[in-house]
Amino acid sequence: MNKHALSAALLAVLACTGPARAAAPAQAQIEQLIERFKAAIIAHDQAGLEALFVPEGGSWFEVLGEDAFRRIKARKPDLSRVHPDSFRHFAAFVAGAKQPIEEKFENVRIHTDGAVAAVYFDFVFLVDGKRNNVGSETWQLVHTNDGWKISAMAYSSYPDRAR
């Protein structure tokens, strides 16, 4: 094999394995972020929860599932299926909750190249140990100077399936 062919082959290998190598430590760091998120909810830790998000420019959306949307829309005809919100509002809700609350994650999938990531999972939100809401949730993450931060969140909401 000539020198140029060997160099091209080496570059091809590095191009294929570079992001994978970068993704391995990122995967573990993202898993830690998920655990900190769950722990902050249980602890009613507003500041801890807020610290997990990019402070400016993010987005947050709840999308009602079909059954819940139909049922609630019957009572509130002007209801929108999509509700924009913010992590700050959620963190304040968590901090002010009078009962124990917890979000349980299942089927967590993480995709990352070490700079950006997507996390997708199914969740059950518990209030006082009882299922209050279920759905699927997706996070967009960015790797900042201060570690991984959630830049966007969207989740489906099926409160009628929680029972």
N, C-alpha and C. Protein backbone atom coordinates (compact mmCIF):
# COMPACT_ATOMS: atom_id res chain seq x y z
N MET A 1 0.87 -1.18 0.00
CA MET A 1 0.00 0.00 0.00
C MET A 1 0.91 1.23 0.00
N ASN A 2 0.62 2.19 -0.88
CA ASN A 2 1.47 3.37 -0.93
C ASN A 2 1.13 4.32 0.22
N LYS A 3 2.01 5.28 0.42
CA LYS A 3 1.89 6.22 1.55
C LYS A 3 0.58 7.00 1.50
N HIS A 4 0.14 7.42 0.34
CA HIS A 4 -1.09 8.21 0.22
C HIS A 4 -2.33 7.36 0.52
N ALA A 5 -2.32 6.14 0.06
CA ALA A 5 -3.46 5.25 0.33
C ALA A 5 -3.53 4.94 1.82
N LEU A 6 -2.37 4.71 2.45
CA LEU A 6 -2.35 4.46 3.88
C LEU A 6 -2.86 5.67 4.67
N SER A 7 -2.44 6.85 4.28
CA SER A 7 -2.91 8.09 4.94
C SER A 7 -4.41 8.25 4.78
N ALA A 8 -4.91 7.99 3.60
CA ALA A 8 -6.36 8.11 3.35
C ALA A 8 -7.13 7.10 4.20
N ALA A 9 -6.62 5.89 4.29
CA ALA A 9 -7.28 4.86 5.10
C ALA A 9 -7.29 5.25 6.57
N LEU A 10 -6.16 5.77 7.06
CA LEU A 10 -6.07 6.20 8.46
C LEU A 10 -7.05 7.34 8.74
N LEU A 11 -7.12 8.31 7.85
CA LEU A 11 -8.06 9.43 8.01
C LEU A 11 -9.50 8.93 8.01
N ALA A 12 -9.81 7.95 7.17
CA ALA A 12 -11.17 7.40 7.12
C ALA A 12 -11.53 6.72 8.44
N VAL A 13 -10.57 5.97 8.99
CA VAL A 13 -10.81 5.31 10.28
C VAL A 13 -11.02 6.36 11.38
N LEU A 14 -10.17 7.37 11.42
CA LEU A 14 -10.30 8.42 12.43
C LEU A 14 -11.60 9.18 12.28
N ALA A 15 -12.03 9.42 11.07
CA ALA A 15 -13.29 10.14 10.84
C ALA A 15 -14.47 9.33 11.35
N CYS A 16 -14.38 8.01 11.25
CA CYS A 16 -15.48 7.16 11.71
C CYS A 16 -15.48 6.95 13.21
N THR A 17 -14.31 6.93 13.84
CA THR A 17 -14.25 6.62 15.26
C THR A 17 -14.18 7.86 16.14
N GLY A 18 -13.84 9.01 15.59
CA GLY A 18 -13.71 10.24 16.39
C GLY A 18 -14.96 10.56 17.19
N PRO A 19 -16.12 10.72 16.54
CA PRO A 19 -17.34 11.03 17.29
C PRO A 19 -17.71 9.92 18.27
N ALA A 20 -17.48 8.67 17.92
CA ALA A 20 -17.81 7.58 18.84
C ALA A 20 -16.98 7.67 20.10
N ARG A 21 -15.67 7.96 19.95
CA ARG A 21 -14.82 8.12 21.12
C ARG A 21 -15.27 9.31 21.96
N ALA A 22 -15.64 10.40 21.32
CA ALA A 22 -16.10 11.59 22.04
C ALA A 22 -17.42 11.31 22.73
N ALA A 23 -18.23 10.43 22.15
CA ALA A 23 -19.56 10.17 22.69
C ALA A 23 -19.54 9.33 23.97
N ALA A 24 -18.53 8.47 24.16
CA ALA A 24 -18.50 7.59 25.33
C ALA A 24 -18.49 8.37 26.64
N PRO A 25 -17.58 9.33 26.86
CA PRO A 25 -17.64 10.10 28.10
C PRO A 25 -18.89 10.97 28.16
N ALA A 26 -19.33 11.47 27.02
CA ALA A 26 -20.54 12.30 26.99
C ALA A 26 -21.74 11.49 27.45
N GLN A 27 -21.82 10.25 27.03
CA GLN A 27 -22.94 9.38 27.42
C GLN A 27 -23.01 9.28 28.95
N ALA A 28 -21.90 9.04 29.60
CA ALA A 28 -21.87 8.93 31.06
C ALA A 28 -22.23 10.26 31.72
N GLN A 29 -21.75 11.36 31.16
CA GLN A 29 -22.07 12.67 31.72
C GLN A 29 -23.56 12.98 31.58
N ILE A 30 -24.16 12.59 30.47
CA ILE A 30 -25.59 12.82 30.24
C ILE A 30 -26.40 11.94 31.20
N GLU A 31 -25.96 10.72 31.41
CA GLU A 31 -26.65 9.85 32.38
C GLU A 31 -26.62 10.49 33.77
N GLN A 32 -25.50 11.12 34.14
CA GLN A 32 -25.42 11.83 35.43
C GLN A 32 -26.38 13.01 35.46
N LEU A 33 -26.51 13.74 34.37
CA LEU A 33 -27.45 14.85 34.28
C LEU A 33 -28.88 14.35 34.51
N ILE A 34 -29.23 13.23 33.91
CA ILE A 34 -30.56 12.64 34.09
C ILE A 34 -30.79 12.31 35.56
N GLU A 35 -29.80 11.72 36.22
CA GLU A 35 -29.93 11.37 37.64
C GLU A 35 -30.07 12.62 38.51
N ARG A 36 -29.33 13.69 38.18
CA ARG A 36 -29.46 14.95 38.93
C ARG A 36 -30.84 15.55 38.73
N PHE A 37 -31.40 15.44 37.53
CA PHE A 37 -32.75 15.93 37.25
C PHE A 37 -33.77 15.21 38.13
N LYS A 38 -33.70 13.88 38.14
CA LYS A 38 -34.64 13.09 38.95
C LYS A 38 -34.47 13.40 40.44
N ALA A 39 -33.24 13.50 40.91
CA ALA A 39 -32.98 13.79 42.33
C ALA A 39 -33.47 15.17 42.72
N ALA A 40 -33.34 16.16 41.83
CA ALA A 40 -33.80 17.52 42.14
C ALA A 40 -35.32 17.55 42.30
N ILE A 41 -36.03 16.76 41.50
CA ILE A 41 -37.49 16.71 41.64
C ILE A 41 -37.86 16.12 43.00
N ILE A 42 -37.26 15.00 43.34
CA ILE A 42 -37.57 14.35 44.62
C ILE A 42 -37.24 15.27 45.79
N ALA A 43 -36.13 16.02 45.69
CA ALA A 43 -35.68 16.91 46.77
C ALA A 43 -36.39 18.27 46.76
N HIS A 44 -37.27 18.50 45.77
CA HIS A 44 -37.94 19.81 45.64
C HIS A 44 -36.89 20.92 45.52
N ASP A 45 -35.81 20.65 44.79
CA ASP A 45 -34.65 21.54 44.70
C ASP A 45 -34.76 22.45 43.46
N GLN A 46 -35.34 23.61 43.65
CA GLN A 46 -35.55 24.54 42.55
C GLN A 46 -34.23 24.97 41.92
N ALA A 47 -33.27 25.41 42.73
CA ALA A 47 -31.98 25.89 42.20
C ALA A 47 -31.23 24.76 41.49
N GLY A 48 -31.26 23.58 42.07
CA GLY A 48 -30.59 22.44 41.45
C GLY A 48 -31.21 22.08 40.11
N LEU A 49 -32.51 22.16 40.01
CA LEU A 49 -33.20 21.87 38.76
C LEU A 49 -32.90 22.94 37.72
N GLU A 50 -32.98 24.20 38.12
CA GLU A 50 -32.71 25.30 37.18
C GLU A 50 -31.28 25.25 36.64
N ALA A 51 -30.35 24.78 37.45
CA ALA A 51 -28.94 24.73 37.03
C ALA A 51 -28.70 23.73 35.90
N LEU A 52 -29.64 22.86 35.65
CA LEU A 52 -29.49 21.85 34.61
C LEU A 52 -29.86 22.37 33.23
N PHE A 53 -30.38 23.58 33.16
CA PHE A 53 -30.87 24.15 31.90
C PHE A 53 -29.98 25.29 31.42
N VAL A 54 -29.94 25.49 30.09
CA VAL A 54 -29.32 26.68 29.52
C VAL A 54 -30.17 27.85 30.01
N PRO A 55 -29.56 28.87 30.61
CA PRO A 55 -30.36 29.92 31.24
C PRO A 55 -31.21 30.77 30.29
N GLU A 56 -30.79 30.91 29.06
CA GLU A 56 -31.53 31.74 28.11
C GLU A 56 -31.68 31.02 26.78
N GLY A 57 -32.80 31.28 26.12
CA GLY A 57 -32.97 30.80 24.76
C GLY A 57 -33.54 29.41 24.61
N GLY A 58 -33.91 28.75 25.69
CA GLY A 58 -34.45 27.40 25.59
C GLY A 58 -35.93 27.39 25.28
N SER A 59 -36.48 26.21 25.13
CA SER A 59 -37.91 26.07 24.91
C SER A 59 -38.44 24.88 25.70
N TRP A 60 -39.74 24.92 25.96
CA TRP A 60 -40.40 23.90 26.76
C TRP A 60 -41.84 23.79 26.27
N PHE A 61 -42.28 22.59 25.89
CA PHE A 61 -43.64 22.41 25.39
C PHE A 61 -44.27 21.14 25.95
N GLU A 62 -45.52 21.26 26.37
CA GLU A 62 -46.35 20.12 26.72
C GLU A 62 -47.33 19.94 25.57
N VAL A 63 -47.51 18.70 25.12
CA VAL A 63 -48.46 18.38 24.06
C VAL A 63 -49.45 17.36 24.61
N LEU A 64 -50.71 17.77 24.72
CA LEU A 64 -51.72 16.87 25.27
C LEU A 64 -51.99 15.70 24.33
N GLY A 65 -52.10 14.52 24.90
CA GLY A 65 -52.48 13.34 24.13
C GLY A 65 -53.91 13.46 23.65
N GLU A 66 -54.27 12.68 22.64
CA GLU A 66 -55.57 12.80 21.98
C GLU A 66 -56.75 12.68 22.96
N ASP A 67 -56.74 11.67 23.81
CA ASP A 67 -57.86 11.47 24.75
C ASP A 67 -58.00 12.65 25.70
N ALA A 68 -56.90 13.06 26.30
CA ALA A 68 -56.95 14.19 27.24
C ALA A 68 -57.36 15.47 26.53
N PHE A 69 -56.83 15.69 25.33
CA PHE A 69 -57.18 16.89 24.59
C PHE A 69 -58.68 16.93 24.30
N ARG A 70 -59.24 15.84 23.82
CA ARG A 70 -60.69 15.79 23.52
C ARG A 70 -61.52 16.03 24.78
N ARG A 71 -61.15 15.37 25.87
CA ARG A 71 -61.92 15.47 27.11
C ARG A 71 -61.89 16.89 27.67
N ILE A 72 -60.71 17.50 27.72
CA ILE A 72 -60.58 18.85 28.28
C ILE A 72 -61.17 19.88 27.33
N LYS A 73 -61.00 19.68 26.03
CA LYS A 73 -61.53 20.64 25.04
C LYS A 73 -63.05 20.69 25.10
N ALA A 74 -63.70 19.60 25.49
CA ALA A 74 -65.16 19.60 25.63
C ALA A 74 -65.59 20.62 26.69
N ARG A 75 -64.76 20.81 27.71
CA ARG A 75 -65.08 21.78 28.77
C ARG A 75 -64.52 23.16 28.46
N LYS A 76 -63.41 23.20 27.73
CA LYS A 76 -62.72 24.46 27.41
C LYS A 76 -62.49 24.53 25.91
N PRO A 77 -63.46 25.02 25.15
CA PRO A 77 -63.37 25.00 23.68
C PRO A 77 -62.16 25.74 23.11
N ASP A 78 -61.60 26.70 23.82
CA ASP A 78 -60.46 27.46 23.31
C ASP A 78 -59.12 26.80 23.63
N LEU A 79 -59.14 25.62 24.20
CA LEU A 79 -57.92 24.94 24.61
C LEU A 79 -57.00 24.65 23.42
N SER A 80 -55.74 24.92 23.59
CA SER A 80 -54.73 24.57 22.60
C SER A 80 -54.12 23.23 23.00
N ARG A 81 -53.84 22.40 22.02
CA ARG A 81 -53.23 21.10 22.29
C ARG A 81 -51.78 21.25 22.78
N VAL A 82 -51.10 22.29 22.33
CA VAL A 82 -49.70 22.53 22.67
C VAL A 82 -49.62 23.69 23.66
N HIS A 83 -48.93 23.47 24.78
CA HIS A 83 -48.78 24.49 25.82
C HIS A 83 -47.31 24.85 25.99
N PRO A 84 -46.92 26.05 25.59
CA PRO A 84 -45.54 26.48 25.87
C PRO A 84 -45.40 26.79 27.35
N ASP A 85 -44.24 26.51 27.89
CA ASP A 85 -43.97 26.78 29.30
C ASP A 85 -42.49 27.05 29.43
N SER A 86 -41.96 26.93 30.66
CA SER A 86 -40.54 27.16 30.87
C SER A 86 -40.03 26.29 32.00
N PHE A 87 -38.72 26.05 31.98
CA PHE A 87 -38.12 25.26 33.05
C PHE A 87 -38.23 26.00 34.38
N ARG A 88 -38.21 27.31 34.36
CA ARG A 88 -38.32 28.08 35.61
C ARG A 88 -39.68 27.86 36.27
N HIS A 89 -40.73 27.83 35.47
CA HIS A 89 -42.07 27.58 36.01
C HIS A 89 -42.13 26.17 36.62
N PHE A 90 -41.56 25.19 35.90
CA PHE A 90 -41.55 23.82 36.41
C PHE A 90 -40.74 23.73 37.70
N ALA A 91 -39.58 24.38 37.73
CA ALA A 91 -38.73 24.34 38.94
C ALA A 91 -39.46 24.96 40.13
N ALA A 92 -40.21 26.04 39.89
CA ALA A 92 -40.99 26.66 40.97
C ALA A 92 -42.10 25.72 41.43
N PHE A 93 -42.74 25.02 40.49
CA PHE A 93 -43.75 24.03 40.86
C PHE A 93 -43.15 22.94 41.73
N VAL A 94 -41.99 22.44 41.33
CA VAL A 94 -41.30 21.38 42.08
C VAL A 94 -40.98 21.87 43.49
N ALA A 95 -40.44 23.08 43.60
CA ALA A 95 -40.05 23.62 44.90
C ALA A 95 -41.26 23.83 45.81
N GLY A 96 -42.39 24.20 45.21
CA GLY A 96 -43.58 24.50 46.01
C GLY A 96 -44.51 23.33 46.26
N ALA A 97 -44.19 22.18 45.72
CA ALA A 97 -45.06 21.01 45.89
C ALA A 97 -45.13 20.63 47.36
N LYS A 98 -46.34 20.45 47.84
CA LYS A 98 -46.56 20.08 49.24
C LYS A 98 -46.45 18.58 49.46
N GLN A 99 -46.64 17.80 48.40
CA GLN A 99 -46.59 16.35 48.50
C GLN A 99 -45.30 15.84 47.86
N PRO A 100 -44.92 14.61 48.16
CA PRO A 100 -43.77 14.03 47.47
C PRO A 100 -44.07 13.92 45.97
N ILE A 101 -43.09 14.26 45.14
CA ILE A 101 -43.23 14.12 43.69
C ILE A 101 -42.00 13.42 43.16
N GLU A 102 -42.18 12.74 42.03
CA GLU A 102 -41.07 12.01 41.42
C GLU A 102 -41.39 11.78 39.96
N GLU A 103 -40.37 11.79 39.13
CA GLU A 103 -40.53 11.41 37.72
C GLU A 103 -39.67 10.19 37.48
N LYS A 104 -40.30 9.12 37.02
CA LYS A 104 -39.58 7.88 36.72
C LYS A 104 -39.41 7.77 35.22
N PHE A 105 -38.21 7.36 34.80
CA PHE A 105 -37.87 7.26 33.39
C PHE A 105 -37.75 5.78 33.01
N GLU A 106 -38.20 5.45 31.80
CA GLU A 106 -38.04 4.11 31.24
C GLU A 106 -37.63 4.25 29.78
N ASN A 107 -36.97 3.24 29.25
CA ASN A 107 -36.58 3.20 27.84
C ASN A 107 -35.78 4.44 27.42
N VAL A 108 -34.81 4.82 28.23
CA VAL A 108 -34.01 6.01 27.95
C VAL A 108 -33.06 5.74 26.78
N ARG A 109 -33.09 6.65 25.81
CA ARG A 109 -32.20 6.57 24.66
C ARG A 109 -31.44 7.89 24.56
N ILE A 110 -30.13 7.78 24.41
CA ILE A 110 -29.27 8.96 24.31
C ILE A 110 -28.50 8.86 23.00
N HIS A 111 -28.53 9.95 22.23
CA HIS A 111 -27.74 10.05 21.00
C HIS A 111 -26.90 11.31 21.10
N THR A 112 -25.60 11.16 20.92
CA THR A 112 -24.71 12.32 21.05
C THR A 112 -23.47 12.17 20.18
N ASP A 113 -22.92 13.32 19.81
CA ASP A 113 -21.62 13.34 19.15
C ASP A 113 -20.58 14.00 20.06
N GLY A 114 -20.95 14.27 21.30
CA GLY A 114 -20.04 14.90 22.25
C GLY A 114 -20.24 16.40 22.37
N ALA A 115 -20.94 17.01 21.41
CA ALA A 115 -21.19 18.46 21.44
C ALA A 115 -22.68 18.75 21.64
N VAL A 116 -23.53 17.97 20.99
CA VAL A 116 -24.98 18.08 21.16
C VAL A 116 -25.51 16.69 21.43
N ALA A 117 -26.71 16.63 22.00
CA ALA A 117 -27.31 15.32 22.29
C ALA A 117 -28.82 15.42 22.27
N ALA A 118 -29.43 14.27 22.05
CA ALA A 118 -30.88 14.13 22.18
C ALA A 118 -31.13 12.99 23.16
N VAL A 119 -32.04 13.22 24.09
CA VAL A 119 -32.44 12.20 25.05
C VAL A 119 -33.94 11.99 24.87
N TYR A 120 -34.37 10.74 24.78
CA TYR A 120 -35.79 10.41 24.60
C TYR A 120 -36.13 9.28 25.56
N PHE A 121 -37.25 9.40 26.25
CA PHE A 121 -37.64 8.37 27.21
C PHE A 121 -39.14 8.42 27.46
N ASP A 122 -39.65 7.36 28.03
CA ASP A 122 -41.03 7.32 28.52
C ASP A 122 -40.97 7.68 30.00
N PHE A 123 -42.01 8.36 30.49
CA PHE A 123 -42.00 8.77 31.89
C PHE A 123 -43.33 8.50 32.56
N VAL A 124 -43.24 8.42 33.87
CA VAL A 124 -44.40 8.42 34.76
C VAL A 124 -44.12 9.47 35.81
N PHE A 125 -45.04 10.41 35.97
CA PHE A 125 -44.89 11.45 36.98
C PHE A 125 -45.79 11.09 38.16
N LEU A 126 -45.18 10.96 39.34
CA LEU A 126 -45.89 10.54 40.54
C LEU A 126 -46.08 11.72 41.48
N VAL A 127 -47.28 11.82 42.03
CA VAL A 127 -47.57 12.81 43.07
C VAL A 127 -48.09 12.01 44.27
N ASP A 128 -47.40 12.15 45.38
CA ASP A 128 -47.74 11.41 46.60
C ASP A 128 -47.80 9.90 46.32
N GLY A 129 -46.87 9.42 45.50
CA GLY A 129 -46.76 8.00 45.20
C GLY A 129 -47.76 7.49 44.18
N LYS A 130 -48.65 8.35 43.66
CA LYS A 130 -49.68 7.93 42.71
C LYS A 130 -49.36 8.49 41.32
N ARG A 131 -49.65 7.66 40.31
CA ARG A 131 -49.43 8.10 38.92
C ARG A 131 -50.33 9.30 38.62
N ASN A 132 -49.71 10.40 38.22
CA ASN A 132 -50.45 11.62 37.92
C ASN A 132 -50.47 11.90 36.42
N ASN A 133 -49.41 11.51 35.72
CA ASN A 133 -49.28 11.80 34.31
C ASN A 133 -48.27 10.82 33.72
N VAL A 134 -48.49 10.43 32.48
CA VAL A 134 -47.56 9.58 31.76
C VAL A 134 -47.36 10.16 30.37
N GLY A 135 -46.28 9.76 29.72
CA GLY A 135 -46.04 10.20 28.36
C GLY A 135 -44.63 9.90 27.93
N SER A 136 -44.22 10.54 26.87
CA SER A 136 -42.85 10.46 26.38
C SER A 136 -42.26 11.85 26.43
N GLU A 137 -40.95 11.91 26.63
CA GLU A 137 -40.27 13.20 26.81
C GLU A 137 -39.00 13.19 25.98
N THR A 138 -38.68 14.33 25.43
CA THR A 138 -37.44 14.47 24.68
C THR A 138 -36.72 15.74 25.11
N TRP A 139 -35.42 15.62 25.26
CA TRP A 139 -34.57 16.76 25.62
C TRP A 139 -33.56 16.97 24.50
N GLN A 140 -33.27 18.22 24.22
CA GLN A 140 -32.14 18.60 23.39
C GLN A 140 -31.09 19.14 24.36
N LEU A 141 -29.87 18.65 24.26
CA LEU A 141 -28.79 19.06 25.16
C LEU A 141 -27.66 19.70 24.37
N VAL A 142 -26.95 20.61 25.04
CA VAL A 142 -25.74 21.20 24.48
C VAL A 142 -24.63 21.07 25.52
N HIS A 143 -23.41 20.85 25.04
CA HIS A 143 -22.26 20.73 25.93
C HIS A 143 -21.66 22.12 26.09
N THR A 144 -21.90 22.75 27.23
CA THR A 144 -21.45 24.12 27.49
C THR A 144 -20.11 24.11 28.22
N ASN A 145 -19.60 25.31 28.49
CA ASN A 145 -18.37 25.43 29.30
C ASN A 145 -18.58 24.86 30.70
N ASP A 146 -19.83 24.81 31.15
CA ASP A 146 -20.17 24.31 32.49
C ASP A 146 -20.76 22.90 32.45
N GLY A 147 -20.53 22.16 31.38
CA GLY A 147 -21.04 20.80 31.26
C GLY A 147 -22.31 20.76 30.43
N TRP A 148 -22.98 19.62 30.46
CA TRP A 148 -24.19 19.42 29.67
C TRP A 148 -25.35 20.19 30.28
N LYS A 149 -26.13 20.83 29.41
CA LYS A 149 -27.32 21.59 29.82
C LYS A 149 -28.46 21.25 28.88
N ILE A 150 -29.66 21.26 29.43
CA ILE A 150 -30.87 21.04 28.63
C ILE A 150 -31.22 22.36 27.95
N SER A 151 -31.31 22.34 26.64
CA SER A 151 -31.65 23.56 25.90
C SER A 151 -33.10 23.57 25.44
N ALA A 152 -33.71 22.40 25.34
CA ALA A 152 -35.10 22.33 24.91
C ALA A 152 -35.72 21.05 25.45
N MET A 153 -37.01 21.13 25.73
CA MET A 153 -37.74 19.98 26.24
C MET A 153 -39.14 20.00 25.64
N ALA A 154 -39.60 18.83 25.24
CA ALA A 154 -40.99 18.66 24.81
C ALA A 154 -41.45 17.31 25.34
N TYR A 155 -42.71 17.26 25.76
CA TYR A 155 -43.22 15.99 26.26
C TYR A 155 -44.70 15.85 25.95
N SER A 156 -45.10 14.59 25.74
CA SER A 156 -46.52 14.30 25.58
C SER A 156 -47.12 14.15 26.97
N SER A 157 -48.40 14.43 27.07
CA SER A 157 -49.07 14.38 28.36
C SER A 157 -50.35 13.57 28.24
N TYR A 158 -50.41 12.47 28.98
CA TYR A 158 -51.57 11.59 29.00
C TYR A 158 -52.04 11.39 30.44
N PRO A 159 -52.61 12.43 31.06
CA PRO A 159 -53.05 12.27 32.45
C PRO A 159 -54.15 11.21 32.58
N ASP A 160 -54.93 11.00 31.52
CA ASP A 160 -56.00 10.03 31.56
C ASP A 160 -55.50 8.60 31.54
N ARG A 161 -54.28 8.37 31.11
CA ARG A 161 -53.70 7.01 31.10
C ARG A 161 -52.94 6.71 32.39
N ALA A 162 -52.82 7.68 33.25
CA ALA A 162 -52.04 7.52 34.48
C ALA A 162 -52.79 6.67 35.51
N ARG A 163 -54.03 6.50 35.35
CA ARG A 163 -54.81 5.78 36.35
C ARG A 163 -54.98 4.34 36.01
